[in-house]
């Protein structure tokens, strides 16, 4: 079961008194910050279970790692090849153009979502320079993060923005 036992965990979003959306993430492995989210896949007309995403301001696109892509059935979605340079070499990704929505559960039982026109999924397991398969996290990239102001403390990350943002017209709380 491994990391998939975490499907029952949530990252909470809330509306603050000044009408701000506030998403609270947590400190995860290797000192990074993470949130849990689930996806709406229009091709399948269904939600995925919650998965953990590392917040990565160096990643342009939100990316689903290979094992999660297979387990969630995302390998069945067609797309364009998108090679990405990393510290350890180049990874081969598939750009899925299906306006996938990223949902984060709110404390009130609702969900906040952001639509992303492009999400990458790894085509193959990522290997290091020695050819060994590496365990890679799912990445929540700048395509999502640019919509928020980020702040941190020792244990949490906070993503905040005005509920009505003229630059982001494709999100809401439902």
Protein backbone atom coordinates (compact mmCIF):
# COMPACT_ATOMS: atom_id res chain seq x y z
CA UNK A 1 0.00 0.00 0.00
CA UNK A 2 2.96 2.37 0.60
CA UNK A 3 2.23 6.03 0.11
CA UNK A 4 -1.29 5.27 -1.13
CA UNK A 5 -2.53 4.78 2.40
CA UNK A 6 -2.34 8.61 2.53
CA UNK A 7 -5.38 8.86 0.24
CA UNK A 8 -7.47 9.56 3.32
CA UNK A 9 -5.41 12.64 4.19
CA UNK A 10 -6.40 16.12 3.11
CA UNK A 11 -4.92 19.55 2.79
CA UNK A 12 -7.41 22.12 3.96
CA UNK A 13 -8.37 25.38 2.30
CA UNK A 14 -10.44 28.00 4.02
CA UNK A 15 -12.03 31.36 3.43
CA UNK A 16 -10.54 33.92 5.79
CA UNK A 17 -12.49 36.82 7.29
CA UNK A 18 -11.08 39.19 4.65
CA UNK A 19 -12.43 37.00 1.82
CA UNK A 20 -9.06 35.37 1.08
CA UNK A 21 -8.58 31.76 0.05
CA UNK A 22 -5.99 30.15 2.32
CA UNK A 23 -4.59 26.68 1.64
CA UNK A 24 -2.48 25.18 4.41
CA UNK A 25 0.17 22.65 3.38
CA UNK A 26 2.58 20.69 5.54
CA UNK A 27 6.29 19.98 5.85
CA UNK A 28 6.97 16.64 4.20
CA UNK A 29 10.05 14.60 3.25
CA UNK A 30 13.50 16.18 2.98
CA UNK A 31 12.30 19.49 4.41
CA UNK A 32 10.04 20.22 1.43
CA UNK A 33 6.48 21.51 1.65
CA UNK A 34 3.54 19.49 0.34
CA UNK A 35 -0.21 19.56 -0.14
CA UNK A 36 -2.70 16.77 -0.80
CA UNK A 37 -5.01 17.18 -3.75
CA UNK A 38 -7.16 15.09 -6.01
CA UNK A 39 -7.74 15.55 -9.70
CA UNK A 40 -10.84 15.69 -11.88
CA UNK A 41 -10.06 13.91 -15.13
CA UNK A 42 -12.60 14.93 -17.80
CA UNK A 43 -11.61 12.02 -20.04
CA UNK A 44 -12.77 9.56 -17.35
CA UNK A 45 -15.41 11.81 -15.76
CA UNK A 46 -14.16 10.89 -12.33
CA UNK A 47 -12.02 12.08 -9.45
CA UNK A 48 -8.75 10.50 -8.46
CA UNK A 49 -7.96 9.67 -4.84
CA UNK A 50 -5.92 12.31 -2.98
CA UNK A 51 -2.20 12.29 -3.75
CA UNK A 52 0.67 14.27 -2.28
CA UNK A 53 2.28 17.07 -4.30
CA UNK A 54 5.58 18.77 -3.48
CA UNK A 55 5.41 22.55 -4.04
CA UNK A 56 8.12 23.21 -6.64
CA UNK A 57 8.65 26.80 -7.73
CA UNK A 58 11.30 25.56 -10.17
CA UNK A 59 8.86 23.35 -12.08
CA UNK A 60 6.90 25.18 -14.74
CA UNK A 61 4.17 22.53 -15.00
CA UNK A 62 2.40 20.39 -12.44
CA UNK A 63 3.74 16.86 -12.96
CA UNK A 64 2.45 13.44 -11.93
CA UNK A 65 5.20 10.88 -11.36
CA UNK A 66 5.22 7.60 -13.24
CA UNK A 67 3.89 5.20 -10.56
CA UNK A 68 1.03 7.51 -9.61
CA UNK A 69 0.17 8.10 -13.28
CA UNK A 70 -0.17 4.34 -13.81
CA UNK A 71 -2.18 3.77 -10.60
CA UNK A 72 -4.53 6.66 -11.43
CA UNK A 73 -5.03 5.52 -15.04
CA UNK A 74 -3.44 8.66 -16.49
CA UNK A 75 -1.28 6.55 -18.80
CA UNK A 76 -4.41 6.06 -20.93
CA UNK A 77 -4.64 9.80 -21.72
CA UNK A 78 -2.91 10.72 -24.96
CA UNK A 79 -0.71 13.76 -25.23
CA UNK A 80 2.43 15.31 -26.66
CA UNK A 81 5.96 14.35 -25.68
CA UNK A 82 7.56 16.98 -23.43
CA UNK A 83 11.20 16.34 -22.45
CA UNK A 84 12.23 18.24 -19.30
CA UNK A 85 15.82 18.85 -18.17
CA UNK A 86 16.49 17.98 -14.52
CA UNK A 87 19.53 17.95 -12.28
CA UNK A 88 20.09 14.27 -13.07
CA UNK A 89 19.38 14.37 -16.79
CA UNK A 90 16.29 14.59 -18.96
CA UNK A 91 12.91 13.07 -18.20
CA UNK A 92 10.37 12.18 -20.85
CA UNK A 93 6.92 13.46 -20.03
CA UNK A 94 3.54 13.48 -21.72
CA UNK A 95 1.67 16.79 -21.75
CA UNK A 96 -1.99 16.00 -21.11
CA UNK A 97 -4.16 18.76 -22.55
CA UNK A 98 -7.49 18.12 -20.94
CA UNK A 99 -8.09 20.96 -18.46
CA UNK A 100 -7.57 18.79 -15.45
CA UNK A 101 -8.82 20.35 -12.22
CA UNK A 102 -6.83 20.17 -8.99
CA UNK A 103 -9.16 19.97 -5.96
CA UNK A 104 -8.17 20.77 -2.38
CA UNK A 105 -10.71 20.02 0.33
CA UNK A 106 -11.83 22.86 2.61
CA UNK A 107 -12.45 22.64 6.33
CA UNK A 108 -16.17 23.17 5.70
CA UNK A 109 -16.43 20.03 3.56
CA UNK A 110 -16.28 21.98 0.31
CA UNK A 111 -13.46 21.92 -2.20
CA UNK A 112 -11.36 24.65 -3.76
CA UNK A 113 -10.23 23.95 -7.30
CA UNK A 114 -7.89 25.35 -9.92
CA UNK A 115 -8.11 24.31 -13.56
CA UNK A 116 -4.84 23.58 -15.32
CA UNK A 117 -4.77 23.35 -19.12
CA UNK A 118 -1.58 21.28 -19.10
CA UNK A 119 -0.44 18.68 -16.62
CA UNK A 120 2.56 16.52 -17.32
CA UNK A 121 2.85 12.84 -16.51
CA UNK A 122 6.10 10.97 -16.63
CA UNK A 123 6.18 8.57 -19.57
CA UNK A 124 8.72 6.23 -17.97
CA UNK A 125 10.26 5.81 -14.53
CA UNK A 126 12.95 8.43 -13.94
CA UNK A 127 16.48 7.05 -13.85
CA UNK A 128 19.61 8.63 -12.45
CA UNK A 129 22.93 8.81 -14.33
CA UNK A 130 23.77 5.28 -13.16
CA UNK A 131 20.53 3.97 -14.68
CA UNK A 132 18.83 3.27 -11.36
CA UNK A 133 15.10 4.01 -11.05
CA UNK A 134 14.50 7.01 -8.82
CA UNK A 135 11.41 7.64 -6.72
CA UNK A 136 10.16 11.05 -7.79
CA UNK A 137 7.46 13.12 -6.11
CA UNK A 138 4.43 14.63 -7.81
CA UNK A 139 5.16 18.31 -8.40
CA UNK A 140 2.80 21.24 -8.00
CA UNK A 141 4.43 23.68 -10.40
CA UNK A 142 4.38 27.40 -11.10
CA UNK A 143 1.33 26.91 -13.36
CA UNK A 144 -0.61 26.43 -10.09
CA UNK A 145 1.53 28.28 -7.55
CA UNK A 146 1.73 31.59 -9.48
CA UNK A 147 -1.88 32.19 -8.52
CA UNK A 148 -1.02 32.44 -4.81
CA UNK A 149 1.16 34.30 -2.36
CA UNK A 150 3.26 31.76 -0.44
CA UNK A 151 4.37 32.10 3.17
CA UNK A 152 6.05 29.58 5.44
CA UNK A 153 6.65 28.65 9.05
CA UNK A 154 8.58 25.69 10.45
CA UNK A 155 5.78 23.18 9.89
CA UNK A 156 3.46 24.67 7.27
CA UNK A 157 3.19 26.47 3.97
CA UNK A 158 0.31 28.85 3.33
CA UNK A 159 -1.00 29.61 -0.15
CA UNK A 160 -3.23 32.70 -0.11
CA UNK A 161 -4.98 34.96 -2.54
CA UNK A 162 -8.07 37.05 -2.93
CA UNK A 163 -11.13 34.96 -3.70
CA UNK A 164 -11.79 37.21 -6.68
CA UNK A 165 -8.58 37.60 -8.63
CA UNK A 166 -8.82 39.15 -12.11
CA UNK A 167 -5.79 37.16 -13.29
CA UNK A 168 -7.30 33.83 -12.26
CA UNK A 169 -10.82 33.42 -13.56
CA UNK A 170 -10.94 29.65 -13.64
CA UNK A 171 -11.10 28.75 -9.97
CA UNK A 172 -13.64 28.84 -7.21
CA UNK A 173 -14.80 27.11 -4.06
CA UNK A 174 -17.60 24.56 -4.49
